[in-house]
Amino acid sequence: MPDTGGRRKRGSEWKLSNAHEVGQLVRVQCGLCGVKRWYQPGDLKEIFGDIEAELVGRKMSCERCGKHDFMHVETQNPTARERQGIRVRRLAEIRMVRRVVWKDEN
């Protein structure tokens, strides 16, 4: 497995599929409240599609403070020792929610 050290491939974007192939994790941190979460790139790819890893932060909001403007995302390849202390959030299911939207007529 090639070690890219969290860097992009030269000449292309570093997508979630690339991070998944080399066994990286995605760290998402809120710059406002400081909460840090770890995700599998394959799970994020299933939700958002195969987008550039850095763009995931624009599509997520912090569960603690609710803000989405301050999300920082990076892919990392933690060592075995670091991995022991990391709690990785896994995708359990995707639910489709139907909501009624009313329109006022003039």
C-alpha atoms as a PDB file:
ATOM      1  CA  MET A   1       0.000   0.000   0.000  1.00  0.00           C
ATOM      2  CA  PRO A   2       1.571   3.320  -0.991  1.00  0.00           C
ATOM      3  CA  ASP A   3       1.945   5.851   1.798  1.00  0.00           C
ATOM      4  CA  THR A   4       0.981   9.300   0.596  1.00  0.00           C
ATOM      5  CA  GLY A   5       1.145  10.903   4.022  1.00  0.00           C
ATOM      6  CA  GLY A   6      -2.181  12.685   3.518  1.00  0.00           C
ATOM      7  CA  ARG A   7      -0.941  14.559   0.468  1.00  0.00           C
ATOM      8  CA  ARG A   8      -2.632  14.797  -2.893  1.00  0.00           C
ATOM      9  CA  LYS A   9      -1.505  12.864  -5.884  1.00  0.00           C
ATOM     10  CA  ARG A  10       0.427  15.063  -8.266  1.00  0.00           C
ATOM     11  CA  GLY A  11      -1.707  16.343 -11.116  1.00  0.00           C
ATOM     12  CA  SER A  12      -5.070  15.191  -9.765  1.00  0.00           C
ATOM     13  CA  GLU A  13      -7.518  15.724  -6.951  1.00  0.00           C
ATOM     14  CA  TRP A  14      -7.388  13.581  -3.829  1.00  0.00           C
ATOM     15  CA  LYS A  15     -10.843  12.043  -3.844  1.00  0.00           C
ATOM     16  CA  LEU A  16     -12.559   9.910  -1.239  1.00  0.00           C
ATOM     17  CA  SER A  17     -11.999   6.813  -3.385  1.00  0.00           C
ATOM     18  CA  ASN A  18      -8.236   7.504  -3.413  1.00  0.00           C
ATOM     19  CA  ALA A  19      -8.186   7.820   0.371  1.00  0.00           C
ATOM     20  CA  HIS A  20     -10.173   4.590   0.705  1.00  0.00           C
ATOM     21  CA  GLU A  21      -7.800   2.694  -1.602  1.00  0.00           C
ATOM     22  CA  VAL A  22      -4.720   3.544   0.469  1.00  0.00           C
ATOM     23  CA  GLY A  23      -6.434   2.938   3.831  1.00  0.00           C
ATOM     24  CA  GLN A  24      -6.628   6.510   5.071  1.00  0.00           C
ATOM     25  CA  LEU A  25      -9.159   7.965   7.487  1.00  0.00           C
ATOM     26  CA  VAL A  26     -10.925  11.302   7.153  1.00  0.00           C
ATOM     27  CA  ARG A  27     -10.662  13.669  10.131  1.00  0.00           C
ATOM     28  CA  VAL A  28     -13.360  16.345  10.333  1.00  0.00           C
ATOM     29  CA  GLN A  29     -12.865  19.081  12.918  1.00  0.00           C
ATOM     30  CA  CYS A  30     -15.008  22.081  13.762  1.00  0.00           C
ATOM     31  CA  GLY A  31     -12.884  25.208  13.933  1.00  0.00           C
ATOM     32  CA  LEU A  32     -15.435  26.916  16.172  1.00  0.00           C
ATOM     33  CA  CYS A  33     -16.061  24.444  18.993  1.00  0.00           C
ATOM     34  CA  GLY A  34     -13.117  22.084  18.365  1.00  0.00           C
ATOM     35  CA  VAL A  35     -15.016  18.783  18.141  1.00  0.00           C
ATOM     36  CA  LYS A  36     -13.096  16.191  16.122  1.00  0.00           C
ATOM     37  CA  ARG A  37     -14.607  13.166  14.371  1.00  0.00           C
ATOM     38  CA  TRP A  38     -13.052  10.366  12.298  1.00  0.00           C
ATOM     39  CA  TYR A  39     -14.761   8.681   9.340  1.00  0.00           C
ATOM     40  CA  GLN A  40     -14.080   5.960   6.804  1.00  0.00           C
ATOM     41  CA  PRO A  41     -13.731   7.523   3.323  1.00  0.00           C
ATOM     42  CA  GLY A  42     -15.931   4.789   1.828  1.00  0.00           C
ATOM     43  CA  ASP A  43     -18.819   5.767   4.114  1.00  0.00           C
ATOM     44  CA  LEU A  44     -18.506   9.438   3.172  1.00  0.00           C
ATOM     45  CA  LYS A  45     -18.303   8.465  -0.502  1.00  0.00           C
ATOM     46  CA  GLU A  46     -21.601   6.623  -0.181  1.00  0.00           C
ATOM     47  CA  ILE A  47     -23.258   9.755   1.242  1.00  0.00           C
ATOM     48  CA  PHE A  48     -21.690  12.561  -0.805  1.00  0.00           C
ATOM     49  CA  GLY A  49     -20.394  10.722  -3.886  1.00  0.00           C
ATOM     50  CA  ASP A  50     -16.769  10.497  -4.993  1.00  0.00           C
ATOM     51  CA  ILE A  51     -15.856  14.127  -4.328  1.00  0.00           C
ATOM     52  CA  GLU A  52     -12.550  15.715  -3.424  1.00  0.00           C
ATOM     53  CA  ALA A  53     -11.839  14.952   0.239  1.00  0.00           C
ATOM     54  CA  GLU A  54     -11.362  18.615   1.152  1.00  0.00           C
ATOM     55  CA  LEU A  55     -14.898  19.437  -0.080  1.00  0.00           C
ATOM     56  CA  VAL A  56     -16.536  17.186   2.515  1.00  0.00           C
ATOM     57  CA  GLY A  57     -16.349  19.994   5.091  1.00  0.00           C
ATOM     58  CA  ARG A  58     -18.589  22.199   2.943  1.00  0.00           C
ATOM     59  CA  LYS A  59     -21.279  19.533   2.961  1.00  0.00           C
ATOM     60  CA  MET A  60     -21.209  18.764   6.701  1.00  0.00           C
ATOM     61  CA  SER A  61     -22.247  20.738   9.745  1.00  0.00           C
ATOM     62  CA  CYS A  62     -21.025  20.325  13.307  1.00  0.00           C
ATOM     63  CA  GLU A  63     -23.264  18.141  15.456  1.00  0.00           C
ATOM     64  CA  ARG A  64     -22.337  20.099  18.571  1.00  0.00           C
ATOM     65  CA  CYS A  65     -22.675  23.760  17.521  1.00  0.00           C
ATOM     66  CA  GLY A  66     -24.635  23.345  14.268  1.00  0.00           C
ATOM     67  CA  LYS A  67     -22.305  25.573  12.210  1.00  0.00           C
ATOM     68  CA  HIS A  68     -20.956  24.507   8.829  1.00  0.00           C
ATOM     69  CA  ASP A  69     -18.709  27.438   7.966  1.00  0.00           C
ATOM     70  CA  PHE A  70     -15.765  26.343  10.103  1.00  0.00           C
ATOM     71  CA  MET A  71     -15.390  22.650   9.214  1.00  0.00           C
ATOM     72  CA  HIS A  72     -11.818  21.557   8.466  1.00  0.00           C
ATOM     73  CA  VAL A  73     -11.240  18.218   6.716  1.00  0.00           C
ATOM     74  CA  GLU A  74      -8.066  16.273   6.056  1.00  0.00           C
ATOM     75  CA  THR A  75      -7.168  12.720   5.183  1.00  0.00           C
ATOM     76  CA  GLN A  76      -4.658  11.006   7.428  1.00  0.00           C
ATOM     77  CA  ASN A  77      -2.882   7.703   7.593  1.00  0.00           C
ATOM     78  CA  PRO A  78      -2.564   7.142  11.361  1.00  0.00           C
ATOM     79  CA  THR A  79      -0.023   4.723  12.777  1.00  0.00           C
ATOM     80  CA  ALA A  80      -1.183   1.587  14.568  1.00  0.00           C
ATOM     81  CA  ARG A  81      -0.544   3.257  17.938  1.00  0.00           C
ATOM     82  CA  GLU A  82      -2.559   6.358  16.982  1.00  0.00           C
ATOM     83  CA  ARG A  83      -5.327   4.188  15.520  1.00  0.00           C
ATOM     84  CA  GLN A  84      -5.912   2.505  18.903  1.00  0.00           C
ATOM     85  CA  GLY A  85      -7.074   5.795  20.406  1.00  0.00           C
ATOM     86  CA  ILE A  86      -9.270   6.809  17.470  1.00  0.00           C
ATOM     87  CA  ARG A  87     -13.011   6.196  17.483  1.00  0.00           C
ATOM     88  CA  VAL A  88     -14.143   5.888  13.872  1.00  0.00           C
ATOM     89  CA  ARG A  89     -17.769   6.687  13.136  1.00  0.00           C
ATOM     90  CA  ARG A  90     -19.356   4.185  10.745  1.00  0.00           C
ATOM     91  CA  LEU A  91     -22.376   4.598   8.517  1.00  0.00           C
ATOM     92  CA  ALA A  92     -25.291   2.572   9.877  1.00  0.00           C
ATOM     93  CA  GLU A  93     -28.008   3.521   7.407  1.00  0.00           C
ATOM     94  CA  ILE A  94     -29.258   6.216   5.080  1.00  0.00           C
ATOM     95  CA  ARG A  95     -32.857   7.321   5.535  1.00  0.00           C
ATOM     96  CA  MET A  96     -34.908   9.250   3.046  1.00  0.00           C
ATOM     97  CA  VAL A  97     -37.201  11.754   4.760  1.00  0.00           C
ATOM     98  CA  ARG A  98     -40.290  13.138   3.062  1.00  0.00           C
ATOM     99  CA  ARG A  99     -41.444  16.564   4.213  1.00  0.00           C
ATOM    100  CA  VAL A 100     -44.503  18.551   3.284  1.00  0.00           C
ATOM    101  CA  VAL A 101     -43.717  22.010   1.915  1.00  0.00           C
ATOM    102  CA  TRP A 102     -46.617  24.450   1.689  1.00  0.00           C
ATOM    103  CA  LYS A 103     -46.869  27.314  -0.754  1.00  0.00           C
ATOM    104  CA  ASP A 104     -49.096  30.334  -0.146  1.00  0.00           C
ATOM    105  CA  GLU A 105     -51.076  31.460  -3.159  1.00  0.00           C
ATOM    106  CA  ASN A 106     -51.770  35.146  -3.632  1.00  0.00           C
END
